[in-house]
C-alpha atoms as a PDB file:
ATOM      1  CA  MET A   1    -116.726 -97.329   2.221  1.00  0.00           C
ATOM      2  CA  LEU A   2    -115.517 -98.787   5.508  1.00  0.00           C
ATOM      3  CA  LYS A   3    -115.867-102.552   6.017  1.00  0.00           C
ATOM      4  CA  PRO A   4    -115.111-103.858   9.503  1.00  0.00           C
ATOM      5  CA  LEU A   5    -113.274-107.137   9.954  1.00  0.00           C
ATOM      6  CA  GLY A   6    -114.279-110.081  12.135  1.00  0.00           C
ATOM      7  CA  ASP A   7    -116.674-109.279  14.960  1.00  0.00           C
ATOM      8  CA  ARG A   8    -116.279-105.505  14.676  1.00  0.00           C
ATOM      9  CA  ILE A   9    -119.118-103.027  14.164  1.00  0.00           C
ATOM     10  CA  ILE A  10    -118.902 -99.453  12.865  1.00  0.00           C
ATOM     11  CA  ILE A  11    -121.205 -97.025  14.688  1.00  0.00           C
ATOM     12  CA  GLU A  12    -122.038 -93.399  13.959  1.00  0.00           C
ATOM     13  CA  VAL A  13    -122.345 -91.965  17.463  1.00  0.00           C
ATOM     14  CA  LYS A  14    -125.366 -89.761  18.162  1.00  0.00           C
ATOM     15  CA  GLU A  15    -124.690 -86.295  19.537  1.00  0.00           C
ATOM     16  CA  VAL A  16    -125.560 -85.628  23.173  1.00  0.00           C
ATOM     17  CA  GLU A  17    -128.125 -82.888  23.841  1.00  0.00           C
ATOM     18  CA  GLU A  18    -126.455 -79.585  24.645  1.00  0.00           C
ATOM     19  CA  THR A  19    -129.131 -78.347  27.077  1.00  0.00           C
ATOM     20  CA  THR A  20    -130.475 -79.903  30.244  1.00  0.00           C
ATOM     21  CA  ALA A  21    -134.163 -80.603  30.878  1.00  0.00           C
ATOM     22  CA  SER A  22    -134.349 -77.337  32.821  1.00  0.00           C
ATOM     23  CA  GLY A  23    -132.876 -75.393  29.876  1.00  0.00           C
ATOM     24  CA  LEU A  24    -129.281 -74.996  31.079  1.00  0.00           C
ATOM     25  CA  VAL A  25    -126.705 -74.996  28.281  1.00  0.00           C
ATOM     26  CA  LEU A  26    -123.818 -77.403  28.869  1.00  0.00           C
ATOM     27  CA  THR A  27    -120.256 -76.542  27.880  1.00  0.00           C
ATOM     28  CA  SER A  28    -118.330 -79.049  25.781  1.00  0.00           C
ATOM     29  CA  ALA A  29    -116.146 -79.890  28.804  1.00  0.00           C
ATOM     30  CA  SER A  30    -119.154 -80.981  30.860  1.00  0.00           C
ATOM     31  CA  LYS A  31    -120.853 -83.016  28.138  1.00  0.00           C
ATOM     32  CA  GLU A  32    -120.545 -86.762  28.360  1.00  0.00           C
ATOM     33  CA  LYS A  33    -119.843 -88.859  25.316  1.00  0.00           C
ATOM     34  CA  SER A  34    -123.021 -90.478  24.017  1.00  0.00           C
ATOM     35  CA  GLN A  35    -123.324 -94.221  24.435  1.00  0.00           C
ATOM     36  CA  THR A  36    -125.825 -94.716  21.600  1.00  0.00           C
ATOM     37  CA  GLY A  37    -125.425 -94.704  17.859  1.00  0.00           C
ATOM     38  CA  GLU A  38    -126.548 -96.101  14.532  1.00  0.00           C
ATOM     39  CA  VAL A  39    -124.890 -99.194  13.085  1.00  0.00           C
ATOM     40  CA  ILE A  40    -123.273 -98.244   9.769  1.00  0.00           C
ATOM     41  CA  ALA A  41    -121.514-101.537   8.926  1.00  0.00           C
ATOM     42  CA  VAL A  42    -120.891-104.974  10.465  1.00  0.00           C
ATOM     43  CA  GLY A  43    -118.133-107.527   9.963  1.00  0.00           C
ATOM     44  CA  GLU A  44    -118.606-111.164   9.003  1.00  0.00           C
ATOM     45  CA  GLY A  45    -118.576-112.389  12.605  1.00  0.00           C
ATOM     46  CA  ARG A  46    -116.187-114.027  15.007  1.00  0.00           C
ATOM     47  CA  THR A  47    -114.322-117.152  13.926  1.00  0.00           C
ATOM     48  CA  LEU A  48    -114.860-119.930  16.462  1.00  0.00           C
ATOM     49  CA  ASP A  49    -112.209-122.485  17.481  1.00  0.00           C
ATOM     50  CA  ASN A  50    -113.732-125.066  15.115  1.00  0.00           C
ATOM     51  CA  GLY A  51    -113.349-122.667  12.152  1.00  0.00           C
ATOM     52  CA  THR A  52    -117.019-121.703  11.728  1.00  0.00           C
ATOM     53  CA  LYS A  53    -118.263-118.113  11.843  1.00  0.00           C
ATOM     54  CA  SER A  54    -120.554-116.842  14.591  1.00  0.00           C
ATOM     55  CA  PRO A  55    -122.736-114.198  12.888  1.00  0.00           C
ATOM     56  CA  ILE A  56    -123.111-110.733  14.425  1.00  0.00           C
ATOM     57  CA  SER A  57    -126.445-110.167  16.191  1.00  0.00           C
ATOM     58  CA  VAL A  58    -126.964-106.546  15.057  1.00  0.00           C
ATOM     59  CA  THR A  59    -127.733-105.268  11.570  1.00  0.00           C
ATOM     60  CA  VAL A  60    -127.037-102.087   9.645  1.00  0.00           C
ATOM     61  CA  GLY A  61    -129.484 -99.315  10.514  1.00  0.00           C
ATOM     62  CA  GLN A  62    -130.216-100.432  14.079  1.00  0.00           C
ATOM     63  CA  THR A  63    -129.635 -98.063  17.000  1.00  0.00           C
ATOM     64  CA  VAL A  64    -127.474 -99.634  19.699  1.00  0.00           C
ATOM     65  CA  MET A  65    -126.085 -98.785  23.120  1.00  0.00           C
ATOM     66  CA  PHE A  66    -122.443 -99.592  23.828  1.00  0.00           C
ATOM     67  CA  GLU A  67    -120.085 -99.577  26.796  1.00  0.00           C
ATOM     68  CA  LYS A  68    -118.810 -96.186  27.915  1.00  0.00           C
ATOM     69  CA  TYR A  69    -115.126 -96.514  27.003  1.00  0.00           C
ATOM     70  CA  ALA A  70    -115.500 -99.036  24.196  1.00  0.00           C
ATOM     71  CA  GLY A  71    -113.956 -98.990  20.783  1.00  0.00           C
ATOM     72  CA  GLN A  72    -111.679 -96.941  18.614  1.00  0.00           C
ATOM     73  CA  GLU A  73    -112.718 -93.518  17.339  1.00  0.00           C
ATOM     74  CA  VAL A  74    -111.908 -92.920  13.661  1.00  0.00           C
ATOM     75  CA  LYS A  75    -112.520 -90.136  11.167  1.00  0.00           C
ATOM     76  CA  TYR A  76    -113.288 -91.118   7.562  1.00  0.00           C
ATOM     77  CA  GLU A  77    -114.326 -88.799   4.744  1.00  0.00           C
ATOM     78  CA  GLY A  78    -115.262 -86.031   7.187  1.00  0.00           C
ATOM     79  CA  HIS A  79    -117.405 -88.223   9.472  1.00  0.00           C
ATOM     80  CA  ASP A  80    -116.606 -89.484  12.974  1.00  0.00           C
ATOM     81  CA  TYR A  81    -117.191 -93.174  13.659  1.00  0.00           C
ATOM     82  CA  LEU A  82    -116.620 -95.623  16.480  1.00  0.00           C
ATOM     83  CA  ILE A  83    -115.387 -99.152  15.765  1.00  0.00           C
ATOM     84  CA  VAL A  84    -116.336-101.611  18.515  1.00  0.00           C
ATOM     85  CA  ARG A  85    -116.333-105.360  18.996  1.00  0.00           C
ATOM     86  CA  GLU A  86    -119.701-107.089  19.180  1.00  0.00           C
ATOM     87  CA  GLN A  87    -119.148-107.829  22.891  1.00  0.00           C
ATOM     88  CA  ASP A  88    -119.031-104.045  23.581  1.00  0.00           C
ATOM     89  CA  VAL A  89    -122.620-103.609  22.346  1.00  0.00           C
ATOM     90  CA  VAL A  90    -124.911-103.943  25.363  1.00  0.00           C
ATOM     91  CA  ALA A  91    -128.400-103.298  23.903  1.00  0.00           C
ATOM     92  CA  ILE A  92    -130.434-102.684  20.778  1.00  0.00           C
ATOM     93  CA  VAL A  93    -132.766 -99.654  21.026  1.00  0.00           C
ATOM     94  CA  GLU A  94    -136.193-100.432  19.588  1.00  0.00           C
END
């Protein structure tokens, strides 16, 4: 089990569709990396200057959108994950 530290969030990135709306199949070179994924784990939050913790505003199971080049890609137990800071999350998909 991965447990992120501080204000980090672990996201399982959703795969991008491999065909266009008109039915064209995209090659892997032309596919863009998805910017949405499901939150798998969250850290305890950022420590403020006064020593208190600022809790993370997303929860496990939510689908989020994140910045295009954010985070660190990791592979753990055969799965690919993205570890990002809370500030890299730009929206919650409802």
